[in-house]
Protein backbone atom coordinates (compact mmCIF):
# COMPACT_ATOMS: atom_id res chain seq x y z
CA UNK A 1 0.00 0.00 0.00
CA UNK A 2 1.16 3.48 -0.76
CA UNK A 3 0.22 6.37 1.47
CA UNK A 4 -0.81 9.74 0.17
CA UNK A 5 1.37 12.55 1.52
CA UNK A 6 -0.22 15.79 2.58
CA UNK A 7 0.89 18.80 0.60
CA UNK A 8 3.11 21.15 2.61
CA UNK A 9 1.95 24.74 2.97
CA UNK A 10 4.21 27.10 1.02
CA UNK A 11 5.70 28.70 4.18
CA UNK A 12 6.67 25.27 5.55
CA UNK A 13 8.22 24.36 2.22
CA UNK A 14 10.34 27.55 2.24
CA UNK A 15 11.53 26.80 5.81
CA UNK A 16 12.65 23.27 4.91
CA UNK A 17 13.95 23.48 1.36
CA UNK A 18 17.39 24.09 -0.03
CA UNK A 19 16.74 26.44 -2.91
CA UNK A 20 18.55 25.94 -6.15
CA UNK A 21 17.18 29.16 -7.57
CA UNK A 22 18.80 32.36 -6.38
CA UNK A 23 16.49 35.31 -5.99
CA UNK A 24 18.60 38.48 -5.72
CA UNK A 25 16.07 40.39 -3.61
CA UNK A 26 15.74 37.50 -1.15
CA UNK A 27 19.52 37.04 -1.01
CA UNK A 28 19.96 40.75 -0.24
CA UNK A 29 17.27 40.66 2.43
CA UNK A 30 18.92 37.68 4.13
CA UNK A 31 22.37 39.31 3.97
CA UNK A 32 21.00 42.47 5.59
CA UNK A 33 19.22 40.45 8.29
CA UNK A 34 22.38 38.47 9.11
CA UNK A 35 24.49 41.66 9.18
CA UNK A 36 22.03 43.23 11.63
CA UNK A 37 22.09 40.20 13.91
CA UNK A 38 25.89 40.06 13.82
CA UNK A 39 26.15 43.78 14.61
CA UNK A 40 23.85 43.34 17.62
CA UNK A 41 25.88 40.34 18.80
CA UNK A 42 29.13 42.26 18.54
CA UNK A 43 27.63 45.18 20.49
CA UNK A 44 26.48 43.00 23.38
CA UNK A 45 28.44 43.91 26.53
CA UNK A 46 28.30 41.20 29.22
CA UNK A 47 29.01 41.86 32.89
CA UNK A 48 30.06 39.57 35.74
CA UNK A 49 26.58 38.22 36.66
CA UNK A 50 25.88 35.30 34.29
CA UNK A 51 22.14 35.13 35.07
CA UNK A 52 21.82 38.85 34.33
CA UNK A 53 23.85 38.38 31.14
CA UNK A 54 21.51 35.66 29.92
CA UNK A 55 18.46 37.79 30.68
CA UNK A 56 19.95 40.81 28.89
CA UNK A 57 21.07 38.67 25.95
CA UNK A 58 17.59 37.22 25.42
CA UNK A 59 15.95 40.65 25.72
CA UNK A 60 18.41 42.39 23.40
CA UNK A 61 17.10 40.98 20.11
CA UNK A 62 14.31 38.60 19.12
CA UNK A 63 16.81 36.53 17.10
CA UNK A 64 19.12 35.88 20.05
CA UNK A 65 17.01 33.02 21.41
CA UNK A 66 17.51 31.17 18.13
CA UNK A 67 21.24 31.84 18.30
CA UNK A 68 21.42 30.54 21.87
CA UNK A 69 19.44 27.42 20.96
CA UNK A 70 21.64 26.74 17.93
CA UNK A 71 24.82 27.11 19.98
CA UNK A 72 23.54 24.81 22.73
CA UNK A 73 21.90 22.37 20.30
CA UNK A 74 18.57 22.62 22.16
CA UNK A 75 15.03 22.85 20.84
CA UNK A 76 12.74 25.61 22.07
CA UNK A 77 10.69 23.00 23.89
CA UNK A 78 13.71 21.63 25.79
CA UNK A 79 14.96 25.10 26.64
PDB file of N, CA and C in Angstrom:
ATOM      1  N   UNK A   1       0.822  -1.184   0.000  1.00  0.00           N
ATOM      2  CA  UNK A   1       0.000   0.000   0.000  1.00  0.00           C
ATOM      3  C   UNK A   1       0.867   1.250   0.000  1.00  0.00           C
ATOM      4  N   UNK A   2       0.465   2.200  -0.773  1.00  0.00           N
ATOM      5  CA  UNK A   2       1.161   3.479  -0.762  1.00  0.00           C
ATOM      6  C   UNK A   2       0.312   4.491  -0.030  1.00  0.00           C
ATOM      7  N   UNK A   3       0.959   5.344   0.742  1.00  0.00           N
ATOM      8  CA  UNK A   3       0.216   6.369   1.468  1.00  0.00           C
ATOM      9  C   UNK A   3       0.286   7.684   0.704  1.00  0.00           C
ATOM     10  N   UNK A   4      -0.754   8.449   0.827  1.00  0.00           N
ATOM     11  CA  UNK A   4      -0.811   9.745   0.172  1.00  0.00           C
ATOM     12  C   UNK A   4      -0.236  10.783   1.136  1.00  0.00           C
ATOM     13  N   UNK A   5       0.755  11.516   0.683  1.00  0.00           N
ATOM     14  CA  UNK A   5       1.370  12.550   1.518  1.00  0.00           C
ATOM     15  C   UNK A   5       0.535  13.817   1.444  1.00  0.00           C
ATOM     16  N   UNK A   6       0.454  14.495   2.564  1.00  0.00           N
ATOM     17  CA  UNK A   6      -0.221  15.789   2.579  1.00  0.00           C
ATOM     18  C   UNK A   6       0.699  16.824   1.947  1.00  0.00           C
ATOM     19  N   UNK A   7       0.113  17.733   1.235  1.00  0.00           N
ATOM     20  CA  UNK A   7       0.894  18.796   0.600  1.00  0.00           C
ATOM     21  C   UNK A   7       1.311  19.812   1.663  1.00  0.00           C
ATOM     22  N   UNK A   8       2.593  20.166   1.663  1.00  0.00           N
ATOM     23  CA  UNK A   8       3.110  21.151   2.610  1.00  0.00           C
ATOM     24  C   UNK A   8       2.597  22.542   2.256  1.00  0.00           C
ATOM     25  N   UNK A   9       2.242  23.329   3.255  1.00  0.00           N
ATOM     26  CA  UNK A   9       1.953  24.742   2.975  1.00  0.00           C
ATOM     27  C   UNK A   9       3.231  25.410   2.463  1.00  0.00           C
ATOM     28  N   UNK A  10       3.068  26.438   1.648  1.00  0.00           N
ATOM     29  CA  UNK A  10       4.209  27.101   1.020  1.00  0.00           C
ATOM     30  C   UNK A  10       5.230  27.590   2.046  1.00  0.00           C
ATOM     31  N   UNK A  11       4.768  28.193   3.153  1.00  0.00           N
ATOM     32  CA  UNK A  11       5.699  28.704   4.177  1.00  0.00           C
ATOM     33  C   UNK A  11       6.538  27.581   4.784  1.00  0.00           C
ATOM     34  N   UNK A  12       5.929  26.409   5.018  1.00  0.00           N
ATOM     35  CA  UNK A  12       6.671  25.270   5.550  1.00  0.00           C
ATOM     36  C   UNK A  12       7.685  24.760   4.534  1.00  0.00           C
ATOM     37  N   UNK A  13       7.307  24.775   3.282  1.00  0.00           N
ATOM     38  CA  UNK A  13       8.224  24.359   2.222  1.00  0.00           C
ATOM     39  C   UNK A  13       9.449  25.270   2.195  1.00  0.00           C
ATOM     40  N   UNK A  14       9.230  26.579   2.265  1.00  0.00           N
ATOM     41  CA  UNK A  14      10.336  27.548   2.235  1.00  0.00           C
ATOM     42  C   UNK A  14      11.274  27.328   3.421  1.00  0.00           C
ATOM     43  N   UNK A  15      10.715  27.014   4.608  1.00  0.00           N
ATOM     44  CA  UNK A  15      11.530  26.799   5.808  1.00  0.00           C
ATOM     45  C   UNK A  15      12.395  25.546   5.711  1.00  0.00           C
ATOM     46  N   UNK A  16      11.963  24.556   4.924  1.00  0.00           N
ATOM     47  CA  UNK A  16      12.652  23.267   4.914  1.00  0.00           C
ATOM     48  C   UNK A  16      13.412  22.969   3.630  1.00  0.00           C
ATOM     49  N   UNK A  17      13.312  23.819   2.644  1.00  0.00           N
ATOM     50  CA  UNK A  17      13.946  23.481   1.364  1.00  0.00           C
ATOM     51  C   UNK A  17      15.340  24.077   1.257  1.00  0.00           C
ATOM     52  N   UNK A  18      16.105  23.524   0.360  1.00  0.00           N
ATOM     53  CA  UNK A  18      17.385  24.092  -0.027  1.00  0.00           C
ATOM     54  C   UNK A  18      17.207  24.609  -1.441  1.00  0.00           C
ATOM     55  N   UNK A  19      17.065  25.911  -1.583  1.00  0.00           N
ATOM     56  CA  UNK A  19      16.740  26.439  -2.909  1.00  0.00           C
ATOM     57  C   UNK A  19      17.907  26.328  -3.882  1.00  0.00           C
ATOM     58  N   UNK A  20      17.561  25.985  -5.088  1.00  0.00           N
ATOM     59  CA  UNK A  20      18.550  25.944  -6.151  1.00  0.00           C
ATOM     60  C   UNK A  20      18.477  27.217  -6.984  1.00  0.00           C
ATOM     61  N   UNK A  21      17.389  27.914  -6.853  1.00  0.00           N
ATOM     62  CA  UNK A  21      17.181  29.163  -7.569  1.00  0.00           C
ATOM     63  C   UNK A  21      17.584  30.312  -6.665  1.00  0.00           C
ATOM     64  N   UNK A  22      18.408  31.194  -7.167  1.00  0.00           N
ATOM     65  CA  UNK A  22      18.796  32.361  -6.379  1.00  0.00           C
ATOM     66  C   UNK A  22      17.923  33.538  -6.780  1.00  0.00           C
ATOM     67  N   UNK A  23      17.327  34.141  -5.785  1.00  0.00           N
ATOM     68  CA  UNK A  23      16.485  35.314  -5.993  1.00  0.00           C
ATOM     69  C   UNK A  23      17.242  36.494  -5.389  1.00  0.00           C
ATOM     70  N   UNK A  24      17.740  37.390  -6.224  1.00  0.00           N
ATOM     71  CA  UNK A  24      18.599  38.477  -5.722  1.00  0.00           C
ATOM     72  C   UNK A  24      17.981  39.283  -4.579  1.00  0.00           C
ATOM     73  N   UNK A  25      16.706  39.602  -4.663  1.00  0.00           N
ATOM     74  CA  UNK A  25      16.068  40.390  -3.607  1.00  0.00           C
ATOM     75  C   UNK A  25      16.043  39.621  -2.286  1.00  0.00           C
ATOM     76  N   UNK A  26      15.747  38.329  -2.358  1.00  0.00           N
ATOM     77  CA  UNK A  26      15.737  37.502  -1.152  1.00  0.00           C
ATOM     78  C   UNK A  26      17.147  37.353  -0.581  1.00  0.00           C
ATOM     79  N   UNK A  27      18.119  37.145  -1.457  1.00  0.00           N
ATOM     80  CA  UNK A  27      19.515  37.035  -1.013  1.00  0.00           C
ATOM     81  C   UNK A  27      19.953  38.316  -0.294  1.00  0.00           C
ATOM     82  N   UNK A  28      19.590  39.466  -0.844  1.00  0.00           N
ATOM     83  CA  UNK A  28      19.964  40.750  -0.245  1.00  0.00           C
ATOM     84  C   UNK A  28      19.278  40.936   1.104  1.00  0.00           C
ATOM     85  N   UNK A  29      18.005  40.564   1.173  1.00  0.00           N
ATOM     86  CA  UNK A  29      17.266  40.664   2.428  1.00  0.00           C
ATOM     87  C   UNK A  29      17.912  39.800   3.501  1.00  0.00           C
ATOM     88  N   UNK A  30      18.296  38.585   3.158  1.00  0.00           N
ATOM     89  CA  UNK A  30      18.919  37.678   4.126  1.00  0.00           C
ATOM     90  C   UNK A  30      20.288  38.202   4.561  1.00  0.00           C
ATOM     91  N   UNK A  31      21.062  38.730   3.618  1.00  0.00           N
ATOM     92  CA  UNK A  31      22.370  39.307   3.975  1.00  0.00           C
ATOM     93  C   UNK A  31      22.203  40.449   4.977  1.00  0.00           C
ATOM     94  N   UNK A  32      21.236  41.336   4.706  1.00  0.00           N
ATOM     95  CA  UNK A  32      21.001  42.468   5.595  1.00  0.00           C
ATOM     96  C   UNK A  32      20.543  41.993   6.976  1.00  0.00           C
ATOM     97  N   UNK A  33      19.693  40.982   7.011  1.00  0.00           N
ATOM     98  CA  UNK A  33      19.224  40.448   8.292  1.00  0.00           C
ATOM     99  C   UNK A  33      20.384  39.858   9.089  1.00  0.00           C
ATOM    100  N   UNK A  34      21.226  39.084   8.424  1.00  0.00           N
ATOM    101  CA  UNK A  34      22.382  38.474   9.105  1.00  0.00           C
ATOM    102  C   UNK A  34      23.340  39.549   9.586  1.00  0.00           C
ATOM    103  N   UNK A  35      23.595  40.557   8.762  1.00  0.00           N
ATOM    104  CA  UNK A  35      24.488  41.657   9.183  1.00  0.00           C
ATOM    105  C   UNK A  35      23.951  42.361  10.422  1.00  0.00           C
ATOM    106  N   UNK A  36      22.639  42.585  10.467  1.00  0.00           N
ATOM    107  CA  UNK A  36      22.032  43.234  11.627  1.00  0.00           C
ATOM    108  C   UNK A  36      22.182  42.393  12.886  1.00  0.00           C
ATOM    109  N   UNK A  37      21.959  41.093  12.756  1.00  0.00           N
ATOM    110  CA  UNK A  37      22.089  40.201  13.910  1.00  0.00           C
ATOM    111  C   UNK A  37      23.536  40.167  14.390  1.00  0.00           C
ATOM    112  N   UNK A  38      24.475  40.084  13.466  1.00  0.00           N
ATOM    113  CA  UNK A  38      25.892  40.058  13.824  1.00  0.00           C
ATOM    114  C   UNK A  38      26.298  41.364  14.507  1.00  0.00           C
ATOM    115  N   UNK A  39      25.822  42.485  13.991  1.00  0.00           N
ATOM    116  CA  UNK A  39      26.152  43.777  14.608  1.00  0.00           C
ATOM    117  C   UNK A  39      25.628  43.833  16.042  1.00  0.00           C
ATOM    118  N   UNK A  40      24.405  43.361  16.266  1.00  0.00           N
ATOM    119  CA  UNK A  40      23.852  43.342  17.623  1.00  0.00           C
ATOM    120  C   UNK A  40      24.655  42.413  18.536  1.00  0.00           C
ATOM    121  N   UNK A  41      25.065  41.264  18.005  1.00  0.00           N
ATOM    122  CA  UNK A  41      25.876  40.338  18.802  1.00  0.00           C
ATOM    123  C   UNK A  41      27.200  40.969  19.199  1.00  0.00           C
ATOM    124  N   UNK A  42      27.834  41.643  18.256  1.00  0.00           N
ATOM    125  CA  UNK A  42      29.132  42.263  18.544  1.00  0.00           C
ATOM    126  C   UNK A  42      29.012  43.428  19.518  1.00  0.00           C
ATOM    127  N   UNK A  43      27.836  44.057  19.579  1.00  0.00           N
ATOM    128  CA  UNK A  43      27.630  45.184  20.495  1.00  0.00           C
ATOM    129  C   UNK A  43      27.203  44.752  21.887  1.00  0.00           C
ATOM    130  N   UNK A  44      26.932  43.477  22.070  1.00  0.00           N
ATOM    131  CA  UNK A  44      26.484  43.005  23.384  1.00  0.00           C
ATOM    132  C   UNK A  44      27.648  43.069  24.374  1.00  0.00           C
ATOM    133  N   UNK A  45      27.406  43.731  25.507  1.00  0.00           N
ATOM    134  CA  UNK A  45      28.439  43.909  26.529  1.00  0.00           C
ATOM    135  C   UNK A  45      28.054  43.141  27.788  1.00  0.00           C
ATOM    136  N   UNK A  46      28.629  41.962  28.009  1.00  0.00           N
ATOM    137  CA  UNK A  46      28.298  41.197  29.221  1.00  0.00           C
ATOM    138  C   UNK A  46      28.944  41.815  30.457  1.00  0.00           C
ATOM    139  N   UNK A  47      28.386  41.459  31.628  1.00  0.00           N
ATOM    140  CA  UNK A  47      29.007  41.860  32.891  1.00  0.00           C
ATOM    141  C   UNK A  47      29.344  40.594  33.680  1.00  0.00           C
ATOM    142  N   UNK A  48      29.592  40.719  34.963  1.00  0.00           N
ATOM    143  CA  UNK A  48      30.062  39.568  35.737  1.00  0.00           C
ATOM    144  C   UNK A  48      28.950  38.630  36.209  1.00  0.00           C
ATOM    145  N   UNK A  49      27.703  39.057  36.206  1.00  0.00           N
ATOM    146  CA  UNK A  49      26.581  38.219  36.662  1.00  0.00           C
ATOM    147  C   UNK A  49      26.026  37.425  35.479  1.00  0.00           C
ATOM    148  N   UNK A  50      26.267  36.120  35.449  1.00  0.00           N
ATOM    149  CA  UNK A  50      25.884  35.305  34.292  1.00  0.00           C
ATOM    150  C   UNK A  50      24.367  35.222  34.109  1.00  0.00           C
ATOM    151  N   UNK A  51      23.603  35.173  35.193  1.00  0.00           N
ATOM    152  CA  UNK A  51      22.141  35.134  35.073  1.00  0.00           C
ATOM    153  C   UNK A  51      21.621  36.439  34.456  1.00  0.00           C
ATOM    154  N   UNK A  52      22.189  37.546  34.889  1.00  0.00           N
ATOM    155  CA  UNK A  52      21.817  38.853  34.333  1.00  0.00           C
ATOM    156  C   UNK A  52      22.226  38.935  32.859  1.00  0.00           C
ATOM    157  N   UNK A  53      23.400  38.399  32.542  1.00  0.00           N
ATOM    158  CA  UNK A  53      23.853  38.383  31.144  1.00  0.00           C
ATOM    159  C   UNK A  53      22.881  37.628  30.255  1.00  0.00           C
ATOM    160  N   UNK A  54      22.444  36.464  30.710  1.00  0.00           N
ATOM    161  CA  UNK A  54      21.510  35.663  29.922  1.00  0.00           C
ATOM    162  C   UNK A  54      20.202  36.420  29.709  1.00  0.00           C
ATOM    163  N   UNK A  55      19.701  37.024  30.775  1.00  0.00           N
ATOM    164  CA  UNK A  55      18.460  37.795  30.679  1.00  0.00           C
ATOM    165  C   UNK A  55      18.612  38.945  29.694  1.00  0.00           C
ATOM    166  N   UNK A  56      19.695  39.690  29.801  1.00  0.00           N
ATOM    167  CA  UNK A  56      19.949  40.806  28.887  1.00  0.00           C
ATOM    168  C   UNK A  56      20.100  40.312  27.451  1.00  0.00           C
ATOM    169  N   UNK A  57      20.820  39.222  27.281  1.00  0.00           N
ATOM    170  CA  UNK A  57      21.066  38.671  25.950  1.00  0.00           C
ATOM    171  C   UNK A  57      19.748  38.312  25.268  1.00  0.00           C
ATOM    172  N   UNK A  58      18.868  37.637  26.006  1.00  0.00           N
ATOM    173  CA  UNK A  58      17.594  37.220  25.425  1.00  0.00           C
ATOM    174  C   UNK A  58      16.665  38.401  25.151  1.00  0.00           C
ATOM    175  N   UNK A  59      16.788  39.472  25.921  1.00  0.00           N
ATOM    176  CA  UNK A  59      15.947  40.647  25.721  1.00  0.00           C
ATOM    177  C   UNK A  59      16.491  41.582  24.642  1.00  0.00           C
ATOM    178  N   UNK A  60      17.763  41.454  24.327  1.00  0.00           N
ATOM    179  CA  UNK A  60      18.408  42.395  23.403  1.00  0.00           C
ATOM    180  C   UNK A  60      17.822  42.327  21.993  1.00  0.00           C
ATOM    181  N   UNK A  61      17.555  41.142  21.492  1.00  0.00           N
ATOM    182  CA  UNK A  61      17.104  40.978  20.111  1.00  0.00           C
ATOM    183  C   UNK A  61      16.267  39.709  20.011  1.00  0.00           C
ATOM    184  N   UNK A  62      15.200  39.765  19.243  1.00  0.00           N
ATOM    185  CA  UNK A  62      14.310  38.600  19.122  1.00  0.00           C
ATOM    186  C   UNK A  62      15.005  37.400  18.480  1.00  0.00           C
ATOM    187  N   UNK A  63      16.082  37.620  17.749  1.00  0.00           N
ATOM    188  CA  UNK A  63      16.813  36.535  17.103  1.00  0.00           C
ATOM    189  C   UNK A  63      17.797  35.834  18.031  1.00  0.00           C
ATOM    190  N   UNK A  64      18.091  36.438  19.179  1.00  0.00           N
ATOM    191  CA  UNK A  64      19.121  35.883  20.050  1.00  0.00           C
ATOM    192  C   UNK A  64      18.723  34.558  20.686  1.00  0.00           C
ATOM    193  N   UNK A  65      17.434  34.327  20.891  1.00  0.00           N
ATOM    194  CA  UNK A  65      17.013  33.023  21.410  1.00  0.00           C
ATOM    195  C   UNK A  65      17.390  31.929  20.420  1.00  0.00           C
ATOM    196  N   UNK A  66      17.137  32.152  19.149  1.00  0.00           N
ATOM    197  CA  UNK A  66      17.507  31.175  18.129  1.00  0.00           C
ATOM    198  C   UNK A  66      19.003  30.930  18.090  1.00  0.00           C
ATOM    199  N   UNK A  67      19.786  31.972  18.281  1.00  0.00           N
ATOM    200  CA  UNK A  67      21.240  31.837  18.302  1.00  0.00           C
ATOM    201  C   UNK A  67      21.667  30.988  19.495  1.00  0.00           C
ATOM    202  N   UNK A  68      21.099  31.300  20.657  1.00  0.00           N
ATOM    203  CA  UNK A  68      21.424  30.537  21.871  1.00  0.00           C
ATOM    204  C   UNK A  68      21.051  29.064  21.704  1.00  0.00           C
ATOM    205  N   UNK A  69      19.866  28.801  21.160  1.00  0.00           N
ATOM    206  CA  UNK A  69      19.435  27.422  20.958  1.00  0.00           C
ATOM    207  C   UNK A  69      20.335  26.693  19.972  1.00  0.00           C
ATOM    208  N   UNK A  70      20.749  27.364  18.918  1.00  0.00           N
ATOM    209  CA  UNK A  70      21.640  26.740  17.934  1.00  0.00           C
ATOM    210  C   UNK A  70      22.995  26.415  18.569  1.00  0.00           C
ATOM    211  N   UNK A  71      23.517  27.336  19.360  1.00  0.00           N
ATOM    212  CA  UNK A  71      24.823  27.112  19.983  1.00  0.00           C
ATOM    213  C   UNK A  71      24.795  26.001  21.021  1.00  0.00           C
ATOM    214  N   UNK A  72      23.647  25.832  21.696  1.00  0.00           N
ATOM    215  CA  UNK A  72      23.537  24.807  22.727  1.00  0.00           C
ATOM    216  C   UNK A  72      22.918  23.520  22.196  1.00  0.00           C
ATOM    217  N   UNK A  73      22.509  23.529  20.939  1.00  0.00           N
ATOM    218  CA  UNK A  73      21.898  22.370  20.302  1.00  0.00           C
ATOM    219  C   UNK A  73      20.629  21.926  21.035  1.00  0.00           C
ATOM    220  N   UNK A  74      19.823  22.898  21.461  1.00  0.00           N
ATOM    221  CA  UNK A  74      18.571  22.620  22.155  1.00  0.00           C
ATOM    222  C   UNK A  74      17.394  23.063  21.296  1.00  0.00           C
ATOM    223  N   UNK A  75      16.266  22.401  21.474  1.00  0.00           N
ATOM    224  CA  UNK A  75      15.033  22.852  20.844  1.00  0.00           C
ATOM    225  C   UNK A  75      14.382  23.876  21.770  1.00  0.00           C
ATOM    226  N   UNK A  76      13.442  24.651  21.228  1.00  0.00           N
ATOM    227  CA  UNK A  76      12.740  25.610  22.073  1.00  0.00           C
ATOM    228  C   UNK A  76      11.993  24.898  23.186  1.00  0.00           C
ATOM    229  N   UNK A  77      11.441  23.730  22.886  1.00  0.00           N
ATOM    230  CA  UNK A  77      10.690  22.998  23.889  1.00  0.00           C
ATOM    231  C   UNK A  77      11.596  22.540  25.043  1.00  0.00           C
ATOM    232  N   UNK A  78      12.784  22.067  24.741  1.00  0.00           N
ATOM    233  CA  UNK A  78      13.710  21.635  25.792  1.00  0.00           C
ATOM    234  C   UNK A  78      14.282  22.788  26.584  1.00  0.00           C
ATOM    235  N   UNK A  79      14.430  23.947  25.949  1.00  0.00           N
ATOM    236  CA  UNK A  79      14.964  25.104  26.637  1.00  0.00           C
ATOM    237  C   UNK A  79      13.996  25.558  27.699  1.00  0.00           C
TER     238      UNK A  79
END
